[in-house]
Amino acid sequence: MIKKTLPLKYNSSAVIIFELILLVISLVFYPFIKIALVPSSTHALWISSLAGISLGIFLFLSTYVFMYIGKSFRREIYEHHFGYIHKKSITVITLLPILIAVSEELFFRGLLVSIVGPLVSLLLFTIVHVAKFTDKKITFISMFSYGLLFYLANYFTGFLLTSIFAHYAFTLLRIVYFPIYIKTHPKQFKF
């Protein structure tokens, strides 16, 4: 049985507000984004979408590598996803990953890459995500890796849609699967 007494670091209302702010900023400054959002051909659209989903699944699976590197990171994954265990809301499961993927990719890989370049954008993406975790070293490495792969997906396909699909698949799998994994593997999450 999983204890319900751990402090929850995840606040869905704060995440939604933050993501909406990123989305509004990105839409206001959309003319400055230099990379195309979607491909013009149906064939390229399918390839971009499948590449993004495949990358998202790969990134989700790579989380297990980072999770087993350090016990503190595993605990933080547990605390971060514990709140999802009891949430059955269709909004959390479907709309939140869409909002996160679209807003962060438009802002970090679209707007910021166009204005300040990929390295600064990647560092800002990493810092924003590392701020909520205490295991800074492993979190920095994992978030830097994820952000770099999201950027490379855009760079090689030429479309933001690829990283949007990757980010969506990654976030959706974490929201849906980690709570199930936590419930079915309680021994790995005894601290």
C-alpha atoms as a PDB file:
ATOM      1  CA  MET A   1       0.000   0.000   0.000  1.00  0.00           C
ATOM      2  CA  ILE A   2       1.309   3.419  -0.931  1.00  0.00           C
ATOM      3  CA  LYS A   3       1.428   6.065   1.749  1.00  0.00           C
ATOM      4  CA  LYS A   4      -0.682   9.141   1.069  1.00  0.00           C
ATOM      5  CA  THR A   5       1.317  11.376   3.383  1.00  0.00           C
ATOM      6  CA  LEU A   6       4.135  12.451   1.091  1.00  0.00           C
ATOM      7  CA  PRO A   7       4.250  16.144   0.273  1.00  0.00           C
ATOM      8  CA  LEU A   8       3.053  16.703  -3.270  1.00  0.00           C
ATOM      9  CA  LYS A   9       5.294  18.915  -5.367  1.00  0.00           C
ATOM     10  CA  TYR A  10       2.881  18.876  -8.262  1.00  0.00           C
ATOM     11  CA  ASN A  11       0.236  21.560  -8.416  1.00  0.00           C
ATOM     12  CA  SER A  12      -1.830  21.191 -11.603  1.00  0.00           C
ATOM     13  CA  SER A  13      -3.326  24.693 -11.261  1.00  0.00           C
ATOM     14  CA  ALA A  14       0.115  26.302 -11.131  1.00  0.00           C
ATOM     15  CA  VAL A  15       1.265  24.199 -14.095  1.00  0.00           C
ATOM     16  CA  ILE A  16      -1.791  25.202 -16.132  1.00  0.00           C
ATOM     17  CA  ILE A  17      -1.238  28.911 -15.373  1.00  0.00           C
ATOM     18  CA  PHE A  18       2.470  28.676 -16.228  1.00  0.00           C
ATOM     19  CA  GLU A  19       1.772  26.826 -19.483  1.00  0.00           C
ATOM     20  CA  LEU A  20      -0.962  29.299 -20.472  1.00  0.00           C
ATOM     21  CA  ILE A  21       1.453  32.187 -19.907  1.00  0.00           C
ATOM     22  CA  LEU A  22       4.023  30.486 -22.174  1.00  0.00           C
ATOM     23  CA  LEU A  23       1.336  29.869 -24.790  1.00  0.00           C
ATOM     24  CA  VAL A  24       0.108  33.482 -24.775  1.00  0.00           C
ATOM     25  CA  ILE A  25       3.668  34.829 -25.044  1.00  0.00           C
ATOM     26  CA  SER A  26       4.372  32.429 -27.917  1.00  0.00           C
ATOM     27  CA  LEU A  27       1.204  33.393 -29.777  1.00  0.00           C
ATOM     28  CA  VAL A  28       1.786  37.128 -29.307  1.00  0.00           C
ATOM     29  CA  PHE A  29       5.313  36.829 -30.679  1.00  0.00           C
ATOM     30  CA  TYR A  30       4.473  34.101 -33.231  1.00  0.00           C
ATOM     31  CA  PRO A  31       5.731  36.209 -36.197  1.00  0.00           C
ATOM     32  CA  PHE A  32       9.261  35.925 -34.764  1.00  0.00           C
ATOM     33  CA  ILE A  33       9.238  32.110 -34.844  1.00  0.00           C
ATOM     34  CA  LYS A  34      11.462  31.041 -37.734  1.00  0.00           C
ATOM     35  CA  ILE A  35      10.647  27.323 -37.871  1.00  0.00           C
ATOM     36  CA  ALA A  36       7.507  26.014 -39.584  1.00  0.00           C
ATOM     37  CA  LEU A  37       4.794  24.696 -37.303  1.00  0.00           C
ATOM     38  CA  VAL A  38       3.430  21.971 -39.596  1.00  0.00           C
ATOM     39  CA  PRO A  39       4.574  20.451 -42.887  1.00  0.00           C
ATOM     40  CA  SER A  40       2.765  21.402 -46.078  1.00  0.00           C
ATOM     41  CA  SER A  41       2.382  17.858 -47.433  1.00  0.00           C
ATOM     42  CA  THR A  42       0.327  15.041 -45.933  1.00  0.00           C
ATOM     43  CA  HIS A  43       3.237  12.628 -46.329  1.00  0.00           C
ATOM     44  CA  ALA A  44       5.598  14.884 -44.355  1.00  0.00           C
ATOM     45  CA  LEU A  45       2.866  15.404 -41.759  1.00  0.00           C
ATOM     46  CA  TRP A  46       2.601  11.649 -41.142  1.00  0.00           C
ATOM     47  CA  ILE A  47       6.374  11.188 -40.987  1.00  0.00           C
ATOM     48  CA  SER A  48       6.757  14.141 -38.627  1.00  0.00           C
ATOM     49  CA  SER A  49       3.953  12.852 -36.390  1.00  0.00           C
ATOM     50  CA  LEU A  50       5.269   9.277 -36.252  1.00  0.00           C
ATOM     51  CA  ALA A  51       8.827  10.479 -35.634  1.00  0.00           C
ATOM     52  CA  GLY A  52       7.590  12.664 -32.781  1.00  0.00           C
ATOM     53  CA  ILE A  53       5.528   9.904 -31.166  1.00  0.00           C
ATOM     54  CA  SER A  54       8.450   7.463 -31.472  1.00  0.00           C
ATOM     55  CA  LEU A  55      10.800   9.976 -29.863  1.00  0.00           C
ATOM     56  CA  GLY A  56       8.296  10.594 -27.055  1.00  0.00           C
ATOM     57  CA  ILE A  57       8.096   6.860 -26.312  1.00  0.00           C
ATOM     58  CA  PHE A  58      11.909   6.610 -26.349  1.00  0.00           C
ATOM     59  CA  LEU A  59      12.234   9.555 -23.951  1.00  0.00           C
ATOM     60  CA  PHE A  60       9.624   8.069 -21.628  1.00  0.00           C
ATOM     61  CA  LEU A  61      11.532   4.780 -21.512  1.00  0.00           C
ATOM     62  CA  SER A  62      14.795   6.632 -20.904  1.00  0.00           C
ATOM     63  CA  THR A  63      13.280   8.063 -17.711  1.00  0.00           C
ATOM     64  CA  TYR A  64      13.780   4.626 -16.154  1.00  0.00           C
ATOM     65  CA  VAL A  65      17.527   4.927 -16.719  1.00  0.00           C
ATOM     66  CA  PHE A  66      17.610   8.230 -14.849  1.00  0.00           C
ATOM     67  CA  MET A  67      15.233   6.895 -12.209  1.00  0.00           C
ATOM     68  CA  TYR A  68      17.542   4.008 -11.361  1.00  0.00           C
ATOM     69  CA  ILE A  69      20.710   6.087 -11.320  1.00  0.00           C
ATOM     70  CA  GLY A  70      19.735   7.686  -8.046  1.00  0.00           C
ATOM     71  CA  LYS A  71      17.323   6.877  -5.272  1.00  0.00           C
ATOM     72  CA  SER A  72      16.612  10.562  -4.669  1.00  0.00           C
ATOM     73  CA  PHE A  73      15.528  11.024  -8.293  1.00  0.00           C
ATOM     74  CA  ARG A  74      13.252   7.971  -7.981  1.00  0.00           C
ATOM     75  CA  ARG A  75      11.697   9.506  -4.871  1.00  0.00           C
ATOM     76  CA  GLU A  76      11.106  12.772  -6.680  1.00  0.00           C
ATOM     77  CA  ILE A  77       9.494  10.963  -9.617  1.00  0.00           C
ATOM     78  CA  TYR A  78       7.277   9.248  -7.052  1.00  0.00           C
ATOM     79  CA  GLU A  79       6.341  12.503  -5.318  1.00  0.00           C
ATOM     80  CA  HIS A  80       5.785  14.300  -8.621  1.00  0.00           C
ATOM     81  CA  HIS A  81       3.481  11.588  -9.995  1.00  0.00           C
ATOM     82  CA  PHE A  82       1.802  10.550  -6.736  1.00  0.00           C
ATOM     83  CA  GLY A  83      -0.944  13.112  -7.278  1.00  0.00           C
ATOM     84  CA  TYR A  84      -1.976  11.412 -10.509  1.00  0.00           C
ATOM     85  CA  ILE A  85      -2.694   8.109  -8.749  1.00  0.00           C
ATOM     86  CA  HIS A  86      -6.031   9.316  -7.453  1.00  0.00           C
ATOM     87  CA  LYS A  87      -6.954  11.647 -10.314  1.00  0.00           C
ATOM     88  CA  LYS A  88      -9.337  10.147 -12.814  1.00  0.00           C
ATOM     89  CA  SER A  89     -10.000  13.460 -14.526  1.00  0.00           C
ATOM     90  CA  ILE A  90     -10.074  13.304 -18.310  1.00  0.00           C
ATOM     91  CA  THR A  91      -8.737  16.868 -18.291  1.00  0.00           C
ATOM     92  CA  VAL A  92      -5.551  15.885 -16.493  1.00  0.00           C
ATOM     93  CA  ILE A  93      -5.053  12.800 -18.628  1.00  0.00           C
ATOM     94  CA  THR A  94      -5.677  14.354 -22.052  1.00  0.00           C
ATOM     95  CA  LEU A  95      -5.746  18.143 -22.062  1.00  0.00           C
ATOM     96  CA  LEU A  96      -2.839  18.860 -19.715  1.00  0.00           C
ATOM     97  CA  PRO A  97      -0.298  16.948 -21.869  1.00  0.00           C
ATOM     98  CA  ILE A  98      -1.570  18.784 -24.964  1.00  0.00           C
ATOM     99  CA  LEU A  99      -1.240  22.166 -23.234  1.00  0.00           C
ATOM    100  CA  ILE A 100       2.236  21.345 -21.911  1.00  0.00           C
ATOM    101  CA  ALA A 101       3.492  20.056 -25.267  1.00  0.00           C
ATOM    102  CA  VAL A 102       2.132  22.898 -27.394  1.00  0.00           C
ATOM    103  CA  SER A 103       3.054  25.745 -25.034  1.00  0.00           C
ATOM    104  CA  GLU A 104       6.568  24.558 -24.185  1.00  0.00           C
ATOM    105  CA  GLU A 105       7.487  23.645 -27.748  1.00  0.00           C
ATOM    106  CA  LEU A 106       6.162  26.906 -29.193  1.00  0.00           C
ATOM    107  CA  PHE A 107       7.962  28.874 -26.481  1.00  0.00           C
ATOM    108  CA  PHE A 108      11.269  27.031 -26.010  1.00  0.00           C
ATOM    109  CA  ARG A 109      11.860  25.403 -29.417  1.00  0.00           C
ATOM    110  CA  GLY A 110       9.992  27.997 -31.481  1.00  0.00           C
ATOM    111  CA  LEU A 111      10.202  31.479 -30.033  1.00  0.00           C
ATOM    112  CA  LEU A 112      13.342  31.278 -27.856  1.00  0.00           C
ATOM    113  CA  VAL A 113      15.380  29.314 -30.410  1.00  0.00           C
ATOM    114  CA  SER A 114      14.468  31.953 -33.011  1.00  0.00           C
ATOM    115  CA  ILE A 115      15.403  34.854 -30.722  1.00  0.00           C
ATOM    116  CA  VAL A 116      18.306  33.704 -28.515  1.00  0.00           C
ATOM    117  CA  GLY A 117      19.456  30.495 -30.199  1.00  0.00           C
ATOM    118  CA  PRO A 118      19.229  26.812 -29.311  1.00  0.00           C
ATOM    119  CA  LEU A 119      21.786  26.712 -26.476  1.00  0.00           C
ATOM    120  CA  VAL A 120      20.217  29.507 -24.399  1.00  0.00           C
ATOM    121  CA  SER A 121      16.750  28.090 -25.071  1.00  0.00           C
ATOM    122  CA  LEU A 122      17.905  24.628 -23.999  1.00  0.00           C
ATOM    123  CA  LEU A 123      19.469  25.966 -20.794  1.00  0.00           C
ATOM    124  CA  LEU A 124      16.319  27.930 -19.908  1.00  0.00           C
ATOM    125  CA  PHE A 125      14.139  24.868 -20.567  1.00  0.00           C
ATOM    126  CA  THR A 126      16.395  22.806 -18.319  1.00  0.00           C
ATOM    127  CA  ILE A 127      16.510  25.395 -15.515  1.00  0.00           C
ATOM    128  CA  VAL A 128      12.711  25.793 -15.494  1.00  0.00           C
ATOM    129  CA  HIS A 129      12.280  22.035 -15.116  1.00  0.00           C
ATOM    130  CA  VAL A 130      15.139  21.511 -12.635  1.00  0.00           C
ATOM    131  CA  ALA A 131      13.838  24.193 -10.275  1.00  0.00           C
ATOM    132  CA  LYS A 132      11.117  21.968  -8.811  1.00  0.00           C
ATOM    133  CA  PHE A 133      13.416  19.016  -8.026  1.00  0.00           C
ATOM    134  CA  THR A 134      16.012  18.662  -5.276  1.00  0.00           C
ATOM    135  CA  ASP A 135      18.251  16.167  -7.110  1.00  0.00           C
ATOM    136  CA  LYS A 136      19.628  18.860  -9.398  1.00  0.00           C
ATOM    137  CA  LYS A 137      22.412  16.830 -11.019  1.00  0.00           C
ATOM    138  CA  ILE A 138      20.361  13.937 -12.396  1.00  0.00           C
ATOM    139  CA  THR A 139      17.394  16.178 -13.167  1.00  0.00           C
ATOM    140  CA  PHE A 140      19.657  18.600 -15.054  1.00  0.00           C
ATOM    141  CA  ILE A 141      21.159  15.782 -17.118  1.00  0.00           C
ATOM    142  CA  SER A 142      17.768  14.249 -17.891  1.00  0.00           C
ATOM    143  CA  MET A 143      16.011  17.526 -18.758  1.00  0.00           C
ATOM    144  CA  PHE A 144      18.971  18.765 -20.791  1.00  0.00           C
ATOM    145  CA  SER A 145      18.905  15.470 -22.736  1.00  0.00           C
ATOM    146  CA  TYR A 146      15.149  15.661 -23.314  1.00  0.00           C
ATOM    147  CA  GLY A 147      15.333  19.299 -24.425  1.00  0.00           C
ATOM    148  CA  LEU A 148      18.251  18.575 -26.741  1.00  0.00           C
ATOM    149  CA  LEU A 149      16.388  15.700 -28.395  1.00  0.00           C
ATOM    150  CA  PHE A 150      13.257  17.843 -28.783  1.00  0.00           C
ATOM    151  CA  TYR A 151      15.404  20.516 -30.461  1.00  0.00           C
ATOM    152  CA  LEU A 152      17.130  17.985 -32.726  1.00  0.00           C
ATOM    153  CA  ALA A 153      13.734  16.622 -33.783  1.00  0.00           C
ATOM    154  CA  ASN A 154      12.827  20.132 -34.952  1.00  0.00           C
ATOM    155  CA  TYR A 155      16.197  20.728 -36.545  1.00  0.00           C
ATOM    156  CA  PHE A 156      16.211  17.537 -38.602  1.00  0.00           C
ATOM    157  CA  THR A 157      12.540  17.572 -39.637  1.00  0.00           C
ATOM    158  CA  GLY A 158      12.165  21.339 -39.916  1.00  0.00           C
ATOM    159  CA  PHE A 159       8.826  21.355 -38.103  1.00  0.00           C
ATOM    160  CA  LEU A 160       7.717  22.164 -34.560  1.00  0.00           C
ATOM    161  CA  LEU A 161       5.004  19.545 -34.887  1.00  0.00           C
ATOM    162  CA  THR A 162       7.589  16.769 -34.463  1.00  0.00           C
ATOM    163  CA  SER A 163       8.677  17.942 -31.020  1.00  0.00           C
ATOM    164  CA  ILE A 164       5.079  18.756 -30.073  1.00  0.00           C
ATOM    165  CA  PHE A 165       4.105  15.131 -30.750  1.00  0.00           C
ATOM    166  CA  ALA A 166       7.219  13.895 -28.929  1.00  0.00           C
ATOM    167  CA  HIS A 167       6.545  16.089 -25.910  1.00  0.00           C
ATOM    168  CA  TYR A 168       2.863  15.086 -25.887  1.00  0.00           C
ATOM    169  CA  ALA A 169       3.619  11.342 -26.049  1.00  0.00           C
ATOM    170  CA  PHE A 170       6.284  11.698 -23.351  1.00  0.00           C
ATOM    171  CA  THR A 171       4.034  13.678 -20.984  1.00  0.00           C
ATOM    172  CA  LEU A 172       0.963  11.535 -21.610  1.00  0.00           C
ATOM    173  CA  LEU A 173       2.877   8.326 -20.895  1.00  0.00           C
ATOM    174  CA  ARG A 174       4.298   9.786 -17.683  1.00  0.00           C
ATOM    175  CA  ILE A 175       0.874  10.948 -16.482  1.00  0.00           C
ATOM    176  CA  VAL A 176      -0.870   7.687 -17.352  1.00  0.00           C
ATOM    177  CA  TYR A 177       1.781   5.037 -16.754  1.00  0.00           C
ATOM    178  CA  PHE A 178       3.885   6.199 -13.785  1.00  0.00           C
ATOM    179  CA  PRO A 179       0.970   6.166 -11.320  1.00  0.00           C
ATOM    180  CA  ILE A 180       0.161   2.607 -12.439  1.00  0.00           C
ATOM    181  CA  TYR A 181       3.823   1.635 -12.141  1.00  0.00           C
ATOM    182  CA  ILE A 182       4.047   3.176  -8.672  1.00  0.00           C
ATOM    183  CA  LYS A 183       0.960   1.279  -7.531  1.00  0.00           C
ATOM    184  CA  THR A 184       2.160  -2.054  -8.937  1.00  0.00           C
ATOM    185  CA  HIS A 185       5.787  -1.755  -7.754  1.00  0.00           C
ATOM    186  CA  PRO A 186       5.516  -0.404  -4.178  1.00  0.00           C
ATOM    187  CA  LYS A 187       8.794  -2.023  -3.037  1.00  0.00           C
ATOM    188  CA  GLN A 188      10.759   0.171  -5.459  1.00  0.00           C
ATOM    189  CA  PHE A 189       9.226   3.259  -3.890  1.00  0.00           C
ATOM    190  CA  LYS A 190       9.829   2.582  -0.185  1.00  0.00           C
ATOM    191  CA  PHE A 191      11.998   5.341   1.206  1.00  0.00           C
END
